Amino acid sequence: MEKSQDEKPDSENENIEKHGDEVEISEIPSDRSVETSEKTEEVEQEYISGFKLWMLLAAATLAVFLMMLDQAIIVTVCWSIG
């Protein structure tokens, strides 16, 4: 049985009861696991919109255009030399 790093050591997480020759071990739930699941439910996705979206698209388009222009120049120069 593997335990995550967030859990407390075994001595703090387990409740050991002795009944004669039998030993019964039960795990005590960690408060940290409850807190983590609550935090993940509260996170919402935020999308870029408006001016920021248009600037991002313009920058990506310009970058791709300049890369293709550079390749076209390199191919033309190499073609004329060869």
N, C-alpha and C. Protein backbone atom coordinates (compact mmCIF):
# COMPACT_ATOMS: atom_id res chain seq x y z
N MET A 1 0.84 -1.17 0.00
CA MET A 1 0.00 0.00 0.00
C MET A 1 0.89 1.23 0.00
N GLU A 2 0.78 2.10 -1.04
CA GLU A 2 1.60 3.29 -1.15
C GLU A 2 0.86 4.49 -0.58
N LYS A 3 1.59 5.36 0.04
CA LYS A 3 1.00 6.57 0.61
C LYS A 3 1.61 7.78 -0.10
N SER A 4 0.81 8.81 -0.30
CA SER A 4 1.33 10.01 -0.93
C SER A 4 2.18 10.78 0.07
N GLN A 5 2.92 11.76 -0.43
CA GLN A 5 3.80 12.53 0.42
C GLN A 5 3.04 13.46 1.35
N ASP A 6 1.79 13.80 1.01
CA ASP A 6 1.01 14.72 1.82
C ASP A 6 0.50 14.10 3.11
N GLU A 7 0.46 12.78 3.16
CA GLU A 7 -0.09 12.12 4.34
C GLU A 7 0.93 12.12 5.47
N LYS A 8 0.41 12.04 6.66
CA LYS A 8 1.25 11.99 7.84
C LYS A 8 1.93 10.63 7.93
N PRO A 9 2.97 10.52 8.73
CA PRO A 9 3.63 9.21 8.90
C PRO A 9 2.64 8.18 9.43
N ASP A 10 3.00 6.89 9.27
CA ASP A 10 2.12 5.79 9.65
C ASP A 10 1.65 5.89 11.10
N SER A 11 2.52 6.30 12.00
CA SER A 11 2.16 6.32 13.41
C SER A 11 1.02 7.31 13.69
N GLU A 12 0.92 8.37 12.92
CA GLU A 12 -0.13 9.36 13.14
C GLU A 12 -1.39 9.04 12.33
N ASN A 13 -1.28 8.26 11.27
CA ASN A 13 -2.40 7.99 10.37
C ASN A 13 -3.16 6.72 10.68
N GLU A 14 -2.59 5.85 11.47
CA GLU A 14 -3.22 4.56 11.71
C GLU A 14 -3.63 4.43 13.17
N ASN A 15 -4.76 3.82 13.37
CA ASN A 15 -5.27 3.54 14.69
C ASN A 15 -5.16 2.03 14.90
N ILE A 16 -4.36 1.61 15.87
CA ILE A 16 -4.13 0.18 16.09
C ILE A 16 -4.89 -0.27 17.33
N GLU A 17 -5.72 -1.27 17.14
CA GLU A 17 -6.47 -1.83 18.26
C GLU A 17 -6.07 -3.29 18.43
N LYS A 18 -5.85 -3.70 19.68
CA LYS A 18 -5.47 -5.08 19.97
C LYS A 18 -6.64 -5.77 20.65
N HIS A 19 -7.03 -6.92 20.10
CA HIS A 19 -8.09 -7.74 20.68
C HIS A 19 -7.52 -9.14 20.91
N GLY A 20 -7.01 -9.38 22.06
CA GLY A 20 -6.41 -10.68 22.36
C GLY A 20 -5.18 -10.89 21.50
N ASP A 21 -5.20 -11.97 20.67
CA ASP A 21 -4.08 -12.28 19.78
C ASP A 21 -4.19 -11.54 18.44
N GLU A 22 -5.38 -10.99 18.14
CA GLU A 22 -5.58 -10.33 16.85
C GLU A 22 -5.26 -8.84 16.94
N VAL A 23 -4.71 -8.32 15.88
CA VAL A 23 -4.41 -6.89 15.80
C VAL A 23 -5.21 -6.31 14.65
N GLU A 24 -5.93 -5.23 14.92
CA GLU A 24 -6.75 -4.59 13.88
C GLU A 24 -6.21 -3.19 13.64
N ILE A 25 -5.93 -2.88 12.36
CA ILE A 25 -5.38 -1.58 12.00
C ILE A 25 -6.40 -0.87 11.11
N SER A 26 -6.75 0.33 11.48
CA SER A 26 -7.65 1.13 10.64
C SER A 26 -7.01 2.49 10.39
N GLU A 27 -7.17 3.00 9.17
CA GLU A 27 -6.57 4.28 8.81
C GLU A 27 -7.49 5.42 9.19
N ILE A 28 -6.89 6.48 9.71
CA ILE A 28 -7.63 7.69 10.02
C ILE A 28 -7.51 8.61 8.81
N PRO A 29 -8.63 9.11 8.25
CA PRO A 29 -8.54 9.96 7.07
C PRO A 29 -7.77 11.25 7.36
N SER A 30 -6.97 11.66 6.40
CA SER A 30 -6.16 12.86 6.54
C SER A 30 -6.99 14.09 6.17
N ASP A 31 -6.86 15.16 6.94
CA ASP A 31 -7.56 16.41 6.65
C ASP A 31 -7.03 17.05 5.37
N ARG A 32 -5.78 16.79 5.03
CA ARG A 32 -5.17 17.40 3.84
C ARG A 32 -5.84 16.95 2.56
N SER A 33 -6.26 15.69 2.47
CA SER A 33 -6.89 15.20 1.26
C SER A 33 -8.22 15.90 1.03
N VAL A 34 -8.94 16.23 2.08
CA VAL A 34 -10.20 16.93 1.95
C VAL A 34 -9.95 18.35 1.45
N GLU A 35 -8.93 19.01 1.99
CA GLU A 35 -8.60 20.38 1.57
C GLU A 35 -8.18 20.41 0.10
N THR A 36 -7.41 19.44 -0.36
CA THR A 36 -6.95 19.42 -1.74
C THR A 36 -8.10 19.25 -2.70
N SER A 37 -9.05 18.37 -2.39
CA SER A 37 -10.17 18.17 -3.31
C SER A 37 -11.05 19.40 -3.38
N GLU A 38 -11.17 20.15 -2.29
CA GLU A 38 -11.96 21.38 -2.32
C GLU A 38 -11.28 22.44 -3.17
N LYS A 39 -9.96 22.52 -3.12
CA LYS A 39 -9.23 23.52 -3.89
C LYS A 39 -9.35 23.27 -5.39
N THR A 40 -9.31 22.00 -5.81
CA THR A 40 -9.38 21.70 -7.24
C THR A 40 -10.75 22.01 -7.82
N GLU A 41 -11.80 21.93 -7.01
CA GLU A 41 -13.13 22.23 -7.50
C GLU A 41 -13.32 23.72 -7.75
N GLU A 42 -12.59 24.57 -7.02
CA GLU A 42 -12.75 26.01 -7.12
C GLU A 42 -12.04 26.62 -8.32
N VAL A 43 -11.08 25.93 -8.92
CA VAL A 43 -10.29 26.47 -10.02
C VAL A 43 -11.15 26.49 -11.29
N GLU A 44 -11.21 27.65 -11.94
CA GLU A 44 -11.97 27.78 -13.18
C GLU A 44 -11.01 28.18 -14.30
N GLN A 45 -11.32 27.74 -15.53
CA GLN A 45 -10.52 28.08 -16.70
C GLN A 45 -10.77 29.53 -17.08
N GLU A 46 -9.71 30.25 -17.42
CA GLU A 46 -9.85 31.63 -17.88
C GLU A 46 -9.28 31.71 -19.28
N TYR A 47 -10.06 32.18 -20.23
CA TYR A 47 -9.65 32.26 -21.61
C TYR A 47 -9.29 33.69 -21.99
N ILE A 48 -8.34 33.80 -22.93
CA ILE A 48 -7.94 35.12 -23.42
C ILE A 48 -9.03 35.61 -24.36
N SER A 49 -9.37 36.88 -24.26
CA SER A 49 -10.38 37.44 -25.16
C SER A 49 -10.04 38.89 -25.45
N GLY A 50 -10.71 39.44 -26.45
CA GLY A 50 -10.56 40.86 -26.77
C GLY A 50 -9.20 41.19 -27.36
N PHE A 51 -8.65 42.30 -26.89
CA PHE A 51 -7.40 42.82 -27.43
C PHE A 51 -6.23 41.85 -27.25
N LYS A 52 -6.16 41.20 -26.10
CA LYS A 52 -5.07 40.24 -25.84
C LYS A 52 -5.11 39.09 -26.84
N LEU A 53 -6.30 38.59 -27.15
CA LEU A 53 -6.44 37.51 -28.12
C LEU A 53 -5.97 37.95 -29.50
N TRP A 54 -6.39 39.14 -29.93
CA TRP A 54 -5.99 39.65 -31.26
C TRP A 54 -4.48 39.88 -31.34
N MET A 55 -3.87 40.38 -30.28
CA MET A 55 -2.42 40.58 -30.28
C MET A 55 -1.67 39.25 -30.31
N LEU A 56 -2.16 38.26 -29.61
CA LEU A 56 -1.55 36.93 -29.63
C LEU A 56 -1.62 36.31 -31.03
N LEU A 57 -2.79 36.41 -31.66
CA LEU A 57 -2.95 35.88 -33.02
C LEU A 57 -2.06 36.62 -34.02
N ALA A 58 -1.98 37.94 -33.89
CA ALA A 58 -1.14 38.75 -34.79
C ALA A 58 0.34 38.38 -34.61
N ALA A 59 0.77 38.20 -33.38
CA ALA A 59 2.17 37.86 -33.12
C ALA A 59 2.50 36.47 -33.68
N ALA A 60 1.60 35.51 -33.49
CA ALA A 60 1.84 34.16 -34.00
C ALA A 60 1.86 34.16 -35.52
N THR A 61 0.94 34.90 -36.15
CA THR A 61 0.89 34.98 -37.61
C THR A 61 2.16 35.63 -38.17
N LEU A 62 2.60 36.72 -37.54
CA LEU A 62 3.81 37.41 -37.98
C LEU A 62 5.04 36.50 -37.83
N ALA A 63 5.10 35.77 -36.75
CA ALA A 63 6.24 34.87 -36.52
C ALA A 63 6.29 33.78 -37.59
N VAL A 64 5.16 33.19 -37.91
CA VAL A 64 5.12 32.14 -38.94
C VAL A 64 5.45 32.73 -40.31
N PHE A 65 4.92 33.92 -40.61
CA PHE A 65 5.22 34.58 -41.89
C PHE A 65 6.72 34.84 -42.03
N LEU A 66 7.36 35.36 -40.98
CA LEU A 66 8.79 35.64 -41.05
C LEU A 66 9.63 34.37 -41.18
N MET A 67 9.21 33.29 -40.54
CA MET A 67 9.93 32.02 -40.69
C MET A 67 9.84 31.51 -42.12
N MET A 68 8.66 31.61 -42.72
CA MET A 68 8.49 31.13 -44.10
C MET A 68 9.23 32.03 -45.09
N LEU A 69 9.25 33.34 -44.83
CA LEU A 69 10.00 34.27 -45.68
C LEU A 69 11.49 33.95 -45.62
N ASP A 70 11.99 33.70 -44.43
CA ASP A 70 13.39 33.33 -44.25
C ASP A 70 13.72 32.06 -45.02
N GLN A 71 12.87 31.05 -44.94
CA GLN A 71 13.09 29.81 -45.67
C GLN A 71 13.07 30.05 -47.18
N ALA A 72 12.17 30.91 -47.64
CA ALA A 72 12.10 31.21 -49.08
C ALA A 72 13.38 31.89 -49.56
N ILE A 73 13.93 32.79 -48.75
CA ILE A 73 15.18 33.47 -49.12
C ILE A 73 16.33 32.47 -49.14
N ILE A 74 16.41 31.61 -48.15
CA ILE A 74 17.50 30.62 -48.08
C ILE A 74 17.42 29.66 -49.28
N VAL A 75 16.23 29.21 -49.61
CA VAL A 75 16.07 28.28 -50.73
C VAL A 75 16.46 28.96 -52.04
N THR A 76 16.08 30.23 -52.22
CA THR A 76 16.41 30.96 -53.46
C THR A 76 17.92 31.14 -53.59
N VAL A 77 18.60 31.50 -52.51
CA VAL A 77 20.04 31.69 -52.55
C VAL A 77 20.75 30.36 -52.83
N CYS A 78 20.34 29.32 -52.17
CA CYS A 78 20.95 28.00 -52.38
C CYS A 78 20.69 27.49 -53.80
N TRP A 79 19.52 27.79 -54.36
CA TRP A 79 19.17 27.33 -55.69
C TRP A 79 20.04 28.04 -56.75
N SER A 80 20.29 29.32 -56.52
CA SER A 80 21.09 30.07 -57.51
C SER A 80 22.58 29.70 -57.44
N ILE A 81 23.06 29.28 -56.28
CA ILE A 81 24.46 28.88 -56.16
C ILE A 81 24.67 27.51 -56.80
N GLY A 82 23.75 26.61 -56.61
CA GLY A 82 23.90 25.22 -57.02
C GLY A 82 23.72 25.03 -58.45
